[in-house]
Structure formats: C-alpha cells, structure tokens
C-alpha cells in the first residue's frame, strides 16, 4: 500500500456472487443461541474461512491481494 500511496483497503462483498453462512461450523447449543450476533462468512473464497493452516498459508503467501473484492484508496 505504501508503494502505491494507498491509505485504506476496503473489502467489498458481492451479494450476487456469494451467500452468507455461519462462521462456526458446529451445532453446539451456545453457538446456535448466539448465531444472530456471531460473525458470518461467505460461501466461497475469498470470504470463506476454511480453518486449514496449509490452505491459509498458501493463500496468504501466493495469492495476489489485488482483486475485484478489495478497493484501495
């Protein structure tokens, strides 16, 4: 961001391409009762949280941060 003189980076969730789903992938009673206040995730990359170290590592190290879902200013 410094190299391009950007100050902010804003993620843009495209509701026409992705669905929202619960962040936590289990049905414990306390999770179900709090579902309306817990964060959500998207249905596919880059909005999906896979909870997989290797997958996340590859994604963070190898993929570009310049894509249609990030707005730099």
PDB file of N, CA and C in Angstrom:
ATOM      1  N   UNK A   1       0.815  -1.175   0.000  1.00  0.00           N
ATOM      2  CA  UNK A   1       0.000   0.000   0.000  1.00  0.00           C
ATOM      3  C   UNK A   1       0.867   1.250   0.000  1.00  0.00           C
ATOM      4  N   UNK A   2       1.973   1.191   0.726  1.00  0.00           N
ATOM      5  CA  UNK A   2       2.876   2.343   0.752  1.00  0.00           C
ATOM      6  C   UNK A   2       3.423   2.657  -0.636  1.00  0.00           C
ATOM      7  N   UNK A   3       3.778   1.630  -1.382  1.00  0.00           N
ATOM      8  CA  UNK A   3       4.361   1.829  -2.704  1.00  0.00           C
ATOM      9  C   UNK A   3       3.404   2.541  -3.660  1.00  0.00           C
ATOM     10  N   UNK A   4       2.109   2.340  -3.461  1.00  0.00           N
ATOM     11  CA  UNK A   4       1.105   2.962  -4.334  1.00  0.00           C
ATOM     12  C   UNK A   4       0.401   4.139  -3.661  1.00  0.00           C
ATOM     13  N   UNK A   5       0.862   4.500  -2.480  1.00  0.00           N
ATOM     14  CA  UNK A   5       0.307   5.629  -1.729  1.00  0.00           C
ATOM     15  C   UNK A   5      -1.163   5.433  -1.364  1.00  0.00           C
ATOM     16  N   UNK A   6      -1.526   4.191  -1.033  1.00  0.00           N
ATOM     17  CA  UNK A   6      -2.889   3.915  -0.576  1.00  0.00           C
ATOM     18  C   UNK A   6      -2.953   4.116   0.930  1.00  0.00           C
ATOM     19  N   UNK A   7      -4.090   4.573   1.385  1.00  0.00           N
ATOM     20  CA  UNK A   7      -4.299   4.774   2.815  1.00  0.00           C
ATOM     21  C   UNK A   7      -5.254   3.724   3.372  1.00  0.00           C
ATOM     22  N   UNK A   8      -6.247   3.335   2.569  1.00  0.00           N
ATOM     23  CA  UNK A   8      -7.242   2.375   3.038  1.00  0.00           C
ATOM     24  C   UNK A   8      -7.427   1.234   2.052  1.00  0.00           C
ATOM     25  N   UNK A   9      -7.875   0.136   2.579  1.00  0.00           N
ATOM     26  CA  UNK A   9      -8.262  -1.018   1.780  1.00  0.00           C
ATOM     27  C   UNK A   9      -9.590  -1.510   2.354  1.00  0.00           C
ATOM     28  N   UNK A  10     -10.627  -1.523   1.513  1.00  0.00           N
ATOM     29  CA  UNK A  10     -11.959  -1.888   1.960  1.00  0.00           C
ATOM     30  C   UNK A  10     -12.426  -3.145   1.228  1.00  0.00           C
ATOM     31  N   UNK A  11     -12.804  -4.200   1.974  1.00  0.00           N
ATOM     32  CA  UNK A  11     -13.342  -5.386   1.305  1.00  0.00           C
ATOM     33  C   UNK A  11     -14.756  -5.115   0.811  1.00  0.00           C
ATOM     34  N   UNK A  12     -15.084  -5.648  -0.346  1.00  0.00           N
ATOM     35  CA  UNK A  12     -16.417  -5.482  -0.938  1.00  0.00           C
ATOM     36  C   UNK A  12     -17.030  -6.862  -1.178  1.00  0.00           C
ATOM     37  N   UNK A  13     -18.083  -7.161  -0.433  1.00  0.00           N
ATOM     38  CA  UNK A  13     -18.780  -8.445  -0.523  1.00  0.00           C
ATOM     39  C   UNK A  13     -19.869  -8.340  -1.580  1.00  0.00           C
ATOM     40  N   UNK A  14     -19.775  -9.120  -2.638  1.00  0.00           N
ATOM     41  CA  UNK A  14     -20.740  -9.098  -3.733  1.00  0.00           C
ATOM     42  C   UNK A  14     -21.857 -10.112  -3.442  1.00  0.00           C
ATOM     43  N   UNK A  15     -23.008  -9.615  -3.011  1.00  0.00           N
ATOM     44  CA  UNK A  15     -24.130 -10.489  -2.635  1.00  0.00           C
ATOM     45  C   UNK A  15     -24.696 -11.265  -3.817  1.00  0.00           C
ATOM     46  N   UNK A  16     -24.405 -10.834  -5.036  1.00  0.00           N
ATOM     47  CA  UNK A  16     -24.889 -11.576  -6.205  1.00  0.00           C
ATOM     48  C   UNK A  16     -24.018 -12.807  -6.493  1.00  0.00           C
ATOM     49  N   UNK A  17     -22.790 -12.833  -5.957  1.00  0.00           N
ATOM     50  CA  UNK A  17     -21.875 -13.949  -6.205  1.00  0.00           C
ATOM     51  C   UNK A  17     -21.716 -14.879  -5.013  1.00  0.00           C
ATOM     52  N   UNK A  18     -22.010 -14.378  -3.808  1.00  0.00           N
ATOM     53  CA  UNK A  18     -21.766 -15.156  -2.592  1.00  0.00           C
ATOM     54  C   UNK A  18     -22.982 -15.155  -1.686  1.00  0.00           C
ATOM     55  N   UNK A  19     -23.101 -16.202  -0.908  1.00  0.00           N
ATOM     56  CA  UNK A  19     -24.100 -16.312   0.146  1.00  0.00           C
ATOM     57  C   UNK A  19     -23.394 -16.076   1.479  1.00  0.00           C
ATOM     58  N   UNK A  20     -24.128 -15.676   2.498  1.00  0.00           N
ATOM     59  CA  UNK A  20     -23.582 -15.613   3.848  1.00  0.00           C
ATOM     60  C   UNK A  20     -23.898 -16.913   4.560  1.00  0.00           C
ATOM     61  N   UNK A  21     -22.979 -17.339   5.413  1.00  0.00           N
ATOM     62  CA  UNK A  21     -23.217 -18.534   6.215  1.00  0.00           C
ATOM     63  C   UNK A  21     -22.537 -18.362   7.561  1.00  0.00           C
ATOM     64  N   UNK A  22     -22.910 -19.168   8.544  1.00  0.00           N
ATOM     65  CA  UNK A  22     -22.301 -19.020   9.870  1.00  0.00           C
ATOM     66  C   UNK A  22     -20.790 -19.241   9.825  1.00  0.00           C
ATOM     67  N   UNK A  23     -20.067 -18.501  10.654  1.00  0.00           N
ATOM     68  CA  UNK A  23     -18.619 -18.652  10.725  1.00  0.00           C
ATOM     69  C   UNK A  23     -18.232 -19.974  11.376  1.00  0.00           C
ATOM     70  N   UNK A  24     -18.934 -20.339  12.434  1.00  0.00           N
ATOM     71  CA  UNK A  24     -18.628 -21.569  13.154  1.00  0.00           C
ATOM     72  C   UNK A  24     -19.419 -22.730  12.573  1.00  0.00           C
ATOM     73  N   UNK A  25     -18.722 -23.829  12.342  1.00  0.00           N
ATOM     74  CA  UNK A  25     -19.277 -24.968  11.623  1.00  0.00           C
ATOM     75  C   UNK A  25     -19.662 -26.111  12.569  1.00  0.00           C
ATOM     76  N   UNK A  26     -20.331 -25.791  13.677  1.00  0.00           N
ATOM     77  CA  UNK A  26     -20.822 -26.855  14.545  1.00  0.00           C
ATOM     78  C   UNK A  26     -22.081 -26.402  15.265  1.00  0.00           C
ATOM     79  N   UNK A  27     -22.820 -27.371  15.764  1.00  0.00           N
ATOM     80  CA  UNK A  27     -24.161 -27.111  16.277  1.00  0.00           C
ATOM     81  C   UNK A  27     -24.268 -27.183  17.796  1.00  0.00           C
ATOM     82  N   UNK A  28     -23.280 -26.681  18.486  1.00  0.00           N
ATOM     83  CA  UNK A  28     -23.368 -26.616  19.946  1.00  0.00           C
ATOM     84  C   UNK A  28     -24.475 -25.640  20.322  1.00  0.00           C
ATOM     85  N   UNK A  29     -25.163 -25.918  21.412  1.00  0.00           N
ATOM     86  CA  UNK A  29     -26.278 -25.083  21.832  1.00  0.00           C
ATOM     87  C   UNK A  29     -25.907 -23.619  21.994  1.00  0.00           C
ATOM     88  N   UNK A  30     -24.750 -23.353  22.608  1.00  0.00           N
ATOM     89  CA  UNK A  30     -24.354 -21.964  22.824  1.00  0.00           C
ATOM     90  C   UNK A  30     -24.047 -21.253  21.507  1.00  0.00           C
ATOM     91  N   UNK A  31     -23.581 -21.978  20.505  1.00  0.00           N
ATOM     92  CA  UNK A  31     -23.323 -21.378  19.194  1.00  0.00           C
ATOM     93  C   UNK A  31     -24.653 -21.083  18.494  1.00  0.00           C
ATOM     94  N   UNK A  32     -25.574 -22.013  18.552  1.00  0.00           N
ATOM     95  CA  UNK A  32     -26.872 -21.806  17.918  1.00  0.00           C
ATOM     96  C   UNK A  32     -27.633 -20.647  18.557  1.00  0.00           C
ATOM     97  N   UNK A  33     -27.571 -20.518  19.884  1.00  0.00           N
ATOM     98  CA  UNK A  33     -28.272 -19.429  20.570  1.00  0.00           C
ATOM     99  C   UNK A  33     -27.678 -18.070  20.228  1.00  0.00           C
ATOM    100  N   UNK A  34     -26.394 -18.018  19.915  1.00  0.00           N
ATOM    101  CA  UNK A  34     -25.722 -16.749  19.617  1.00  0.00           C
ATOM    102  C   UNK A  34     -25.558 -16.503  18.117  1.00  0.00           C
ATOM    103  N   UNK A  35     -26.154 -17.324  17.285  1.00  0.00           N
ATOM    104  CA  UNK A  35     -25.936 -17.245  15.839  1.00  0.00           C
ATOM    105  C   UNK A  35     -26.240 -15.868  15.258  1.00  0.00           C
ATOM    106  N   UNK A  36     -27.216 -15.172  15.818  1.00  0.00           N
ATOM    107  CA  UNK A  36     -27.577 -13.867  15.261  1.00  0.00           C
ATOM    108  C   UNK A  36     -26.570 -12.768  15.564  1.00  0.00           C
ATOM    109  N   UNK A  37     -25.698 -12.973  16.555  1.00  0.00           N
ATOM    110  CA  UNK A  37     -24.700 -11.945  16.892  1.00  0.00           C
ATOM    111  C   UNK A  37     -23.267 -12.352  16.536  1.00  0.00           C
ATOM    112  N   UNK A  38     -23.066 -13.589  16.133  1.00  0.00           N
ATOM    113  CA  UNK A  38     -21.731 -14.042  15.748  1.00  0.00           C
ATOM    114  C   UNK A  38     -21.410 -13.578  14.332  1.00  0.00           C
ATOM    115  N   UNK A  39     -20.129 -13.397  14.010  1.00  0.00           N
ATOM    116  CA  UNK A  39     -19.753 -13.004  12.649  1.00  0.00           C
ATOM    117  C   UNK A  39     -20.147 -14.073  11.635  1.00  0.00           C
ATOM    118  N   UNK A  40     -20.318 -13.651  10.410  1.00  0.00           N
ATOM    119  CA  UNK A  40     -20.653 -14.555   9.309  1.00  0.00           C
ATOM    120  C   UNK A  40     -19.438 -14.674   8.375  1.00  0.00           C
ATOM    121  N   UNK A  41     -19.520 -15.628   7.476  1.00  0.00           N
ATOM    122  CA  UNK A  41     -18.510 -15.766   6.434  1.00  0.00           C
ATOM    123  C   UNK A  41     -19.226 -15.942   5.110  1.00  0.00           C
ATOM    124  N   UNK A  42     -18.466 -15.852   4.041  1.00  0.00           N
ATOM    125  CA  UNK A  42     -19.044 -16.061   2.721  1.00  0.00           C
ATOM    126  C   UNK A  42     -19.064 -17.528   2.363  1.00  0.00           C
ATOM    127  N   UNK A  43     -19.715 -17.852   1.270  1.00  0.00           N
ATOM    128  CA  UNK A  43     -19.869 -19.241   0.857  1.00  0.00           C
ATOM    129  C   UNK A  43     -18.698 -19.769   0.028  1.00  0.00           C
ATOM    130  N   UNK A  44     -17.771 -18.883  -0.385  1.00  0.00           N
ATOM    131  CA  UNK A  44     -16.632 -19.305  -1.206  1.00  0.00           C
ATOM    132  C   UNK A  44     -15.464 -18.342  -1.013  1.00  0.00           C
ATOM    133  N   UNK A  45     -14.300 -18.749  -1.472  1.00  0.00           N
ATOM    134  CA  UNK A  45     -13.092 -17.929  -1.406  1.00  0.00           C
ATOM    135  C   UNK A  45     -13.332 -16.614  -2.139  1.00  0.00           C
ATOM    136  N   UNK A  46     -12.927 -15.497  -1.688  1.00  0.00           N
ATOM    137  CA  UNK A  46     -12.044 -15.203  -0.567  1.00  0.00           C
ATOM    138  C   UNK A  46     -12.770 -14.950   0.756  1.00  0.00           C
ATOM    139  N   UNK A  47     -14.067 -15.157   0.800  1.00  0.00           N
ATOM    140  CA  UNK A  47     -14.846 -14.847   2.005  1.00  0.00           C
ATOM    141  C   UNK A  47     -15.058 -16.045   2.901  1.00  0.00           C
ATOM    142  N   UNK A  48     -14.607 -17.210   2.505  1.00  0.00           N
ATOM    143  CA  UNK A  48     -14.784 -18.443   3.277  1.00  0.00           C
ATOM    144  C   UNK A  48     -13.592 -18.645   4.199  1.00  0.00           C
ATOM    145  N   UNK A  49     -13.853 -18.976   5.449  1.00  0.00           N
ATOM    146  CA  UNK A  49     -12.807 -19.291   6.421  1.00  0.00           C
ATOM    147  C   UNK A  49     -12.725 -20.813   6.497  1.00  0.00           C
ATOM    148  N   UNK A  50     -11.635 -21.383   6.017  1.00  0.00           N
ATOM    149  CA  UNK A  50     -11.530 -22.837   5.920  1.00  0.00           C
ATOM    150  C   UNK A  50     -10.957 -23.495   7.171  1.00  0.00           C
ATOM    151  N   UNK A  51     -10.349 -22.730   8.063  1.00  0.00           N
ATOM    152  CA  UNK A  51      -9.744 -23.283   9.281  1.00  0.00           C
ATOM    153  C   UNK A  51      -8.744 -24.387   8.929  1.00  0.00           C
ATOM    154  N   UNK A  52      -7.950 -24.154   7.895  1.00  0.00           N
ATOM    155  CA  UNK A  52      -6.954 -25.114   7.443  1.00  0.00           C
ATOM    156  C   UNK A  52      -5.633 -24.362   7.295  1.00  0.00           C
ATOM    157  N   UNK A  53      -4.679 -24.678   8.147  1.00  0.00           N
ATOM    158  CA  UNK A  53      -3.424 -23.928   8.185  1.00  0.00           C
ATOM    159  C   UNK A  53      -2.708 -23.920   6.839  1.00  0.00           C
ATOM    160  N   UNK A  54      -2.580 -25.084   6.219  1.00  0.00           N
ATOM    161  CA  UNK A  54      -1.842 -25.183   4.961  1.00  0.00           C
ATOM    162  C   UNK A  54      -2.557 -24.377   3.871  1.00  0.00           C
ATOM    163  N   UNK A  55      -3.856 -24.523   3.788  1.00  0.00           N
ATOM    164  CA  UNK A  55      -4.613 -23.790   2.774  1.00  0.00           C
ATOM    165  C   UNK A  55      -4.501 -22.276   2.988  1.00  0.00           C
ATOM    166  N   UNK A  56      -4.620 -21.851   4.248  1.00  0.00           N
ATOM    167  CA  UNK A  56      -4.498 -20.427   4.562  1.00  0.00           C
ATOM    168  C   UNK A  56      -3.091 -19.906   4.262  1.00  0.00           C
ATOM    169  N   UNK A  57      -2.082 -20.688   4.588  1.00  0.00           N
ATOM    170  CA  UNK A  57      -0.705 -20.287   4.346  1.00  0.00           C
ATOM    171  C   UNK A  57      -0.451 -20.078   2.850  1.00  0.00           C
ATOM    172  N   UNK A  58      -0.867 -21.032   2.045  1.00  0.00           N
ATOM    173  CA  UNK A  58      -0.696 -20.913   0.598  1.00  0.00           C
ATOM    174  C   UNK A  58      -1.456 -19.693   0.078  1.00  0.00           C
ATOM    175  N   UNK A  59      -2.673 -19.520   0.551  1.00  0.00           N
ATOM    176  CA  UNK A  59      -3.488 -18.388   0.114  1.00  0.00           C
ATOM    177  C   UNK A  59      -2.822 -17.061   0.463  1.00  0.00           C
ATOM    178  N   UNK A  60      -2.329 -16.932   1.671  1.00  0.00           N
ATOM    179  CA  UNK A  60      -1.732 -15.675   2.108  1.00  0.00           C
ATOM    180  C   UNK A  60      -0.378 -15.410   1.460  1.00  0.00           C
ATOM    181  N   UNK A  61       0.386 -16.452   1.204  1.00  0.00           N
ATOM    182  CA  UNK A  61       1.723 -16.279   0.631  1.00  0.00           C
ATOM    183  C   UNK A  61       1.724 -16.157  -0.889  1.00  0.00           C
ATOM    184  N   UNK A  62       0.835 -16.868  -1.562  1.00  0.00           N
ATOM    185  CA  UNK A  62       0.925 -16.996  -3.004  1.00  0.00           C
ATOM    186  C   UNK A  62      -0.091 -16.168  -3.797  1.00  0.00           C
ATOM    187  N   UNK A  63      -1.237 -15.881  -3.210  1.00  0.00           N
ATOM    188  CA  UNK A  63      -2.282 -15.201  -3.967  1.00  0.00           C
ATOM    189  C   UNK A  63      -2.102 -13.695  -3.943  1.00  0.00           C
ATOM    190  N   UNK A  64      -2.552 -13.059  -4.976  1.00  0.00           N
ATOM    191  CA  UNK A  64      -2.468 -11.615  -5.093  1.00  0.00           C
ATOM    192  C   UNK A  64      -3.468 -10.946  -4.161  1.00  0.00           C
ATOM    193  N   UNK A  65      -3.089  -9.789  -3.646  1.00  0.00           N
ATOM    194  CA  UNK A  65      -4.022  -9.013  -2.833  1.00  0.00           C
ATOM    195  C   UNK A  65      -4.748  -7.977  -3.678  1.00  0.00           C
ATOM    196  N   UNK A  66      -4.468  -7.961  -4.961  1.00  0.00           N
ATOM    197  CA  UNK A  66      -5.168  -7.064  -5.880  1.00  0.00           C
ATOM    198  C   UNK A  66      -6.223  -7.890  -6.612  1.00  0.00           C
ATOM    199  N   UNK A  67      -7.464  -7.772  -6.176  1.00  0.00           N
ATOM    200  CA  UNK A  67      -8.535  -8.484  -6.853  1.00  0.00           C
ATOM    201  C   UNK A  67      -9.805  -7.644  -6.832  1.00  0.00           C
ATOM    202  N   UNK A  68     -10.854  -8.165  -7.404  1.00  0.00           N
ATOM    203  CA  UNK A  68     -12.088  -7.403  -7.546  1.00  0.00           C
ATOM    204  C   UNK A  68     -12.813  -7.176  -6.228  1.00  0.00           C
ATOM    205  N   UNK A  69     -12.398  -7.832  -5.162  1.00  0.00           N
ATOM    206  CA  UNK A  69     -13.108  -7.731  -3.889  1.00  0.00           C
ATOM    207  C   UNK A  69     -12.480  -6.742  -2.906  1.00  0.00           C
ATOM    208  N   UNK A  70     -11.357  -6.158  -3.292  1.00  0.00           N
ATOM    209  CA  UNK A  70     -10.697  -5.167  -2.442  1.00  0.00           C
ATOM    210  C   UNK A  70     -10.649  -3.832  -3.158  1.00  0.00           C
ATOM    211  N   UNK A  71     -11.018  -2.791  -2.446  1.00  0.00           N
ATOM    212  CA  UNK A  71     -10.996  -1.444  -3.011  1.00  0.00           C
ATOM    213  C   UNK A  71      -9.929  -0.644  -2.275  1.00  0.00           C
ATOM    214  N   UNK A  72      -8.918  -0.227  -3.013  1.00  0.00           N
ATOM    215  CA  UNK A  72      -7.810   0.560  -2.448  1.00  0.00           C
ATOM    216  C   UNK A  72      -8.013   2.032  -2.746  1.00  0.00           C
ATOM    217  N   UNK A  73      -7.729   2.888  -1.766  1.00  0.00           N
ATOM    218  CA  UNK A  73      -7.791   4.346  -1.964  1.00  0.00           C
ATOM    219  C   UNK A  73      -6.622   4.991  -1.265  1.00  0.00           C
TER     220      UNK A  73
END
